[in-house]
Amino acid sequence: MIRWSANVGTLYSELPVADRFAAAVRSGFQFVEMWCPFPKEAAVAAAVRSSGARLAGFLYEPGGTHGPGEMAPGQRGILNGTVTLDECLEFFRRSVSFAKTTSATHVAVLLGNADEDRQRALAFAAAALRRACEVTQPAGLMIMVEPLNSFDTPSYMVHDAEEAAEFVRSLRRPGVRLLLDVYHVAREGADPVAVIPRVRDVIGHVQVADCPGRGAPGTGRLDMHGVVRTLEDVGYDGFIGIEYLPGNRTTDESLTWLPEKLRAVPVEAGMFQ
């Protein structure tokens, strides 16, 4: 069955990261996901456990001085050869440890920005992910590779969802799947409803925000009914992460598109008819 997951990287951003998990539970969500928990993953794990939320997944990013739940300005992943392979693997080992303390099932990865030698950077990312599977697969932690659109992230290495799917297939590792964010698909100019069947074999996680604007469903032109119906048709049974920007409203004010009674129940296309 398909389940909602509230992404507290964008939702509840009016609150400190440690308070967002409990806020999602109070709003009616059972599952949450987040951006990078590093470098204070122990404290973040404690906040998740105390909230009663179930963490579906999180983002593989160093975090650094920007703290948990944040990304460095302009940085979109470290798998492009800007750090060493050993440094990449160290964050996968830390990801496994964090997942064990939170019961998270997947870690999302950004491939990084492209430099003047994109093919070299892609080859480094492929080698790093194959090695990472030696760490993550025995622990039952799935890796999700996410493409990002070229309008919001022009320097990112892979913009097209179908190219990202082919990259995932080329790895030949069952522990690596595709994170399909339908906002990025639509912003790149493709129809998510048409793309989903073409990448169905590698989809591991789905995220949603409306397009354009990356706001809540109903604020743009995204066909949520069509997206969910197509996911049902292809047999997808994972999470749909809600990762939109509430704008100048609080998160709870922006959630009118999804009544509270539906936030912890299986997702069905009929919700949007």
Protein backbone atom coordinates (compact mmCIF):
# COMPACT_ATOMS: atom_id res chain seq x y z
CA MET A 1 0.00 0.00 0.00
CA ILE A 2 1.07 3.59 -0.60
CA ARG A 3 1.59 5.78 2.46
CA TRP A 4 2.08 9.52 3.01
CA SER A 5 5.34 10.72 4.54
CA ALA A 6 5.68 14.32 5.73
CA ASN A 7 9.07 15.72 4.76
CA VAL A 8 10.15 17.99 7.60
CA GLY A 9 12.92 19.46 5.46
CA THR A 10 10.29 21.77 3.95
CA LEU A 11 7.22 21.22 6.14
CA TYR A 12 7.11 22.70 9.65
CA SER A 13 10.13 24.84 8.79
CA GLU A 14 8.67 27.49 11.09
CA LEU A 15 9.92 25.25 13.93
CA PRO A 16 13.39 24.03 14.96
CA VAL A 17 14.25 20.70 13.33
CA ALA A 18 13.99 18.78 16.61
CA ASP A 19 10.38 19.95 17.07
CA ARG A 20 9.14 19.16 13.57
CA PHE A 21 8.65 15.41 14.05
CA ALA A 22 6.23 15.87 16.93
CA ALA A 23 4.45 18.63 15.00
CA ALA A 24 3.88 16.21 12.10
CA VAL A 25 2.42 13.64 14.48
CA ARG A 26 0.10 16.26 16.00
CA SER A 27 -1.06 17.08 12.47
CA GLY A 28 -2.06 13.46 11.94
CA PHE A 29 0.94 11.96 10.12
CA GLN A 30 2.36 8.60 11.11
CA PHE A 31 5.43 8.65 8.85
CA VAL A 32 7.98 11.41 8.31
CA GLU A 33 11.15 11.92 6.31
CA MET A 34 13.84 14.55 6.56
CA TRP A 35 16.82 16.21 5.00
CA CYS A 36 20.33 15.55 6.34
CA PRO A 37 20.49 14.61 10.05
CA PHE A 38 24.23 15.23 10.24
CA PRO A 39 26.28 16.28 12.14
CA LYS A 40 23.99 15.87 15.17
CA GLU A 41 22.37 12.60 14.18
CA ALA A 42 22.23 11.24 17.75
CA ALA A 43 20.15 14.20 18.92
CA VAL A 44 17.96 14.01 15.83
CA ALA A 45 17.37 10.29 16.38
CA ALA A 46 16.33 10.99 19.96
CA ALA A 47 13.84 13.63 18.75
CA VAL A 48 12.36 11.18 16.23
CA ARG A 49 11.93 8.47 18.85
CA SER A 50 10.39 10.78 21.44
CA SER A 51 7.90 12.15 18.91
CA GLY A 52 6.35 8.79 18.15
CA ALA A 53 6.85 9.37 14.42
CA ARG A 54 8.19 6.64 12.16
CA LEU A 55 11.08 7.85 9.99
CA ALA A 56 10.75 6.57 6.42
CA GLY A 57 13.98 8.05 5.12
CA PHE A 58 16.50 10.85 5.18
CA LEU A 59 18.95 12.68 2.95
CA TYR A 60 22.61 11.71 2.68
CA GLU A 61 24.40 15.03 3.07
CA PRO A 62 27.26 16.05 5.36
CA GLY A 63 25.30 18.96 6.88
CA GLY A 64 28.48 20.47 8.30
CA THR A 65 28.19 23.80 10.10
CA HIS A 66 24.70 24.28 8.70
CA GLY A 67 23.34 21.76 11.18
CA PRO A 68 20.81 18.96 10.88
CA GLY A 69 18.04 19.45 8.37
CA GLU A 70 20.02 21.93 6.30
CA MET A 71 22.12 21.85 3.14
CA ALA A 72 25.12 24.01 2.36
CA PRO A 73 24.25 26.82 -0.08
CA GLY A 74 24.65 25.56 -3.64
CA GLN A 75 25.73 22.08 -2.58
CA ARG A 76 23.74 19.27 -4.11
CA GLY A 77 25.60 16.14 -3.13
CA ILE A 78 29.17 14.94 -2.72
CA LEU A 79 29.17 11.90 -5.01
CA ASN A 80 30.74 13.84 -7.89
CA GLY A 81 34.35 13.44 -6.83
CA THR A 82 34.65 16.64 -4.82
CA VAL A 83 35.54 14.50 -1.80
CA THR A 84 37.34 11.17 -1.61
CA LEU A 85 35.69 7.79 -1.91
CA ASP A 86 36.60 7.05 1.71
CA GLU A 87 34.80 10.22 2.83
CA CYS A 88 31.71 9.20 0.86
CA LEU A 89 31.73 5.74 2.41
CA GLU A 90 32.11 7.19 5.89
CA PHE A 91 28.81 9.04 5.49
CA PHE A 92 27.15 5.84 4.29
CA ARG A 93 28.43 4.08 7.41
CA ARG A 94 27.03 6.92 9.53
CA SER A 95 23.78 6.65 7.57
CA VAL A 96 23.50 2.96 8.46
CA SER A 97 24.08 3.76 12.14
CA PHE A 98 21.45 6.51 12.07
CA ALA A 99 18.96 4.27 10.29
CA LYS A 100 19.40 1.56 12.92
CA THR A 101 18.46 4.00 15.68
CA THR A 102 15.41 5.35 13.85
CA SER A 103 14.21 2.33 11.80
CA ALA A 104 14.54 4.37 8.60
CA THR A 105 14.36 2.24 5.46
CA HIS A 106 16.04 4.43 2.88
CA VAL A 107 18.63 7.14 2.40
CA ALA A 108 18.23 9.59 -0.49
CA VAL A 109 21.33 10.74 -2.33
CA LEU A 110 22.05 13.72 -4.54
CA LEU A 111 24.70 13.03 -7.16
CA GLY A 112 26.31 16.46 -6.98
CA ASN A 113 26.96 19.32 -9.37
CA ALA A 114 28.70 18.63 -12.66
CA ASP A 115 32.13 20.01 -13.41
CA GLU A 116 33.85 20.34 -16.78
CA ASP A 117 34.14 16.52 -17.01
CA ARG A 118 30.60 15.28 -16.37
CA GLN A 119 31.34 11.72 -17.46
CA ARG A 120 34.21 11.48 -14.99
CA ALA A 121 31.93 12.74 -12.22
CA LEU A 122 29.20 10.24 -13.15
CA ALA A 123 31.73 7.43 -13.15
CA PHE A 124 32.89 8.44 -9.68
CA ALA A 125 29.28 8.50 -8.46
CA ALA A 126 28.64 5.05 -9.92
CA ALA A 127 31.75 3.61 -8.28
CA ALA A 128 30.87 5.21 -4.95
CA LEU A 129 27.31 3.84 -5.01
CA ARG A 130 28.46 0.33 -5.88
CA ARG A 131 30.86 0.41 -2.94
CA ALA A 132 28.19 1.98 -0.72
CA CYS A 133 25.95 -1.03 -1.31
CA GLU A 134 28.52 -3.16 0.49
CA VAL A 135 27.71 -1.06 3.57
CA THR A 136 23.99 -0.42 3.17
CA GLN A 137 22.56 -3.63 1.71
CA PRO A 138 23.53 -5.92 4.61
CA ALA A 139 21.80 -3.43 6.93
CA GLY A 140 18.63 -3.38 4.83
CA LEU A 141 19.04 0.33 4.00
CA MET A 142 18.00 1.25 0.46
CA ILE A 143 19.73 4.04 -1.49
CA MET A 144 17.51 6.39 -3.54
CA VAL A 145 19.09 8.46 -6.34
CA GLU A 146 17.31 11.75 -7.02
CA PRO A 147 17.40 13.81 -10.24
CA LEU A 148 16.82 17.58 -9.86
CA ASN A 149 15.40 19.92 -12.49
CA SER A 150 17.63 22.23 -14.52
CA PHE A 151 15.69 25.42 -13.73
CA ASP A 152 16.17 25.34 -9.96
CA THR A 153 19.53 23.53 -10.04
CA PRO A 154 21.25 24.23 -13.38
CA SER A 155 24.62 22.86 -12.26
CA TYR A 156 23.29 19.52 -11.02
CA MET A 157 24.62 16.41 -12.71
CA VAL A 158 21.38 14.65 -13.79
CA HIS A 159 18.16 16.56 -14.51
CA ASP A 160 16.08 14.06 -16.46
CA ALA A 161 14.23 11.33 -14.54
CA GLU A 162 14.59 8.78 -17.32
CA GLU A 163 18.33 9.39 -17.55
CA ALA A 164 18.54 8.94 -13.78
CA ALA A 165 16.59 5.69 -14.09
CA GLU A 166 19.03 4.43 -16.70
CA PHE A 167 21.94 5.40 -14.42
CA VAL A 168 20.36 3.37 -11.60
CA ARG A 169 19.86 0.38 -13.90
CA SER A 170 23.49 0.56 -15.02
CA LEU A 171 24.67 0.06 -11.43
CA ARG A 172 23.13 -3.43 -11.33
CA ARG A 173 22.65 -3.20 -7.60
CA PRO A 174 19.22 -4.07 -6.14
CA GLY A 175 19.94 -1.83 -3.17
CA VAL A 176 19.89 1.34 -5.33
CA ARG A 177 16.59 2.73 -6.60
CA LEU A 178 15.18 5.94 -8.11
CA LEU A 179 13.67 8.76 -6.06
CA LEU A 180 11.02 10.24 -8.34
CA ASP A 181 10.03 13.75 -7.29
CA VAL A 182 7.12 14.64 -9.55
CA TYR A 183 7.74 18.36 -9.04
CA HIS A 184 11.22 18.04 -10.57
CA VAL A 185 9.81 15.91 -13.40
CA ALA A 186 7.14 18.50 -14.21
CA ARG A 187 9.50 21.48 -13.81
CA GLU A 188 11.83 19.82 -16.29
CA GLY A 189 8.96 19.84 -18.79
CA ALA A 190 7.86 16.21 -18.68
CA ASP A 191 4.50 14.72 -17.69
CA PRO A 192 4.88 12.68 -14.49
CA VAL A 193 1.91 10.51 -15.46
CA ALA A 194 3.70 9.53 -18.67
CA VAL A 195 7.12 9.11 -17.02
CA ILE A 196 6.03 6.84 -14.15
CA PRO A 197 5.35 3.74 -16.31
CA ARG A 198 8.69 4.16 -18.09
CA VAL A 199 10.67 4.11 -14.84
CA ARG A 200 8.39 1.80 -12.85
CA ASP A 201 11.05 -0.92 -12.56
CA VAL A 202 13.40 1.26 -10.50
CA ILE A 203 11.10 3.58 -8.50
CA GLY A 204 11.87 3.25 -4.81
CA HIS A 205 10.41 6.47 -3.40
CA VAL A 206 8.16 9.27 -4.64
CA GLN A 207 7.93 12.91 -3.56
CA VAL A 208 5.35 15.54 -4.46
CA ALA A 209 4.95 19.30 -4.67
CA ASP A 210 2.86 21.21 -7.17
CA CYS A 211 4.31 22.80 -10.27
CA PRO A 212 5.07 25.56 -10.92
CA GLY A 213 5.94 27.18 -7.62
CA ARG A 214 6.69 24.03 -5.58
CA GLY A 215 3.69 24.77 -3.37
CA ALA A 216 1.03 22.52 -1.91
CA PRO A 217 -1.00 20.33 -4.27
CA GLY A 218 -3.75 22.45 -5.76
CA THR A 219 -1.63 25.59 -6.04
CA GLY A 220 -0.30 24.70 -9.49
CA ARG A 221 -1.12 22.43 -12.42
CA LEU A 222 -0.01 19.03 -11.12
CA ASP A 223 -2.57 16.26 -11.63
CA MET A 224 -2.39 14.56 -8.21
CA HIS A 225 -5.22 12.21 -9.06
CA GLY A 226 -3.38 11.13 -12.21
CA VAL A 227 -0.08 10.69 -10.38
CA VAL A 228 -1.53 8.52 -7.62
CA ARG A 229 -3.71 6.55 -10.04
CA THR A 230 -0.68 5.80 -12.21
CA LEU A 231 1.40 4.76 -9.20
CA GLU A 232 -1.43 2.40 -8.25
CA ASP A 233 -1.59 1.05 -11.80
CA VAL A 234 2.13 0.21 -11.92
CA GLY A 235 1.99 -1.51 -8.53
CA TYR A 236 3.98 1.02 -6.51
CA ASP A 237 3.65 0.29 -2.79
CA GLY A 238 6.08 2.68 -1.13
CA PHE A 239 5.84 6.18 0.32
CA ILE A 240 4.81 9.48 -1.21
CA GLY A 241 6.86 12.12 0.55
CA ILE A 242 5.13 15.49 0.86
CA GLU A 243 7.94 17.98 0.16
CA TYR A 244 6.42 21.31 -0.80
CA LEU A 245 7.08 24.87 0.35
CA PRO A 246 4.19 26.23 2.48
CA GLY A 247 5.06 29.82 1.52
CA ASN A 248 3.89 32.52 3.90
CA ARG A 249 1.50 30.15 5.69
CA THR A 250 2.20 27.77 8.53
CA THR A 251 2.39 24.13 7.52
CA ASP A 252 -0.93 23.32 9.16
CA GLU A 253 -2.59 26.18 7.29
CA SER A 254 -1.19 24.85 4.02
CA LEU A 255 -2.45 21.30 4.56
CA THR A 256 -6.09 21.96 3.75
CA TRP A 257 -5.68 19.92 0.54
CA LEU A 258 -5.24 16.76 2.67
CA PRO A 259 -7.77 16.41 5.53
CA GLU A 260 -6.28 15.20 8.81
CA LYS A 261 -8.25 11.95 8.73
CA LEU A 262 -6.47 10.97 5.50
CA ARG A 263 -2.88 11.66 6.57
CA ALA A 264 -2.19 8.31 8.22
CA VAL A 265 -4.29 6.06 5.98
CA PRO A 266 -3.29 4.38 2.70
CA VAL A 267 -3.12 6.76 -0.26
CA GLU A 268 -5.70 6.29 -2.99
CA ALA A 269 -6.34 8.22 -6.19
CA GLY A 270 -9.96 8.66 -5.14
CA MET A 271 -8.83 11.17 -2.52
CA PHE A 272 -8.41 13.73 -5.31
CA GLN A 273 -11.55 13.20 -7.36
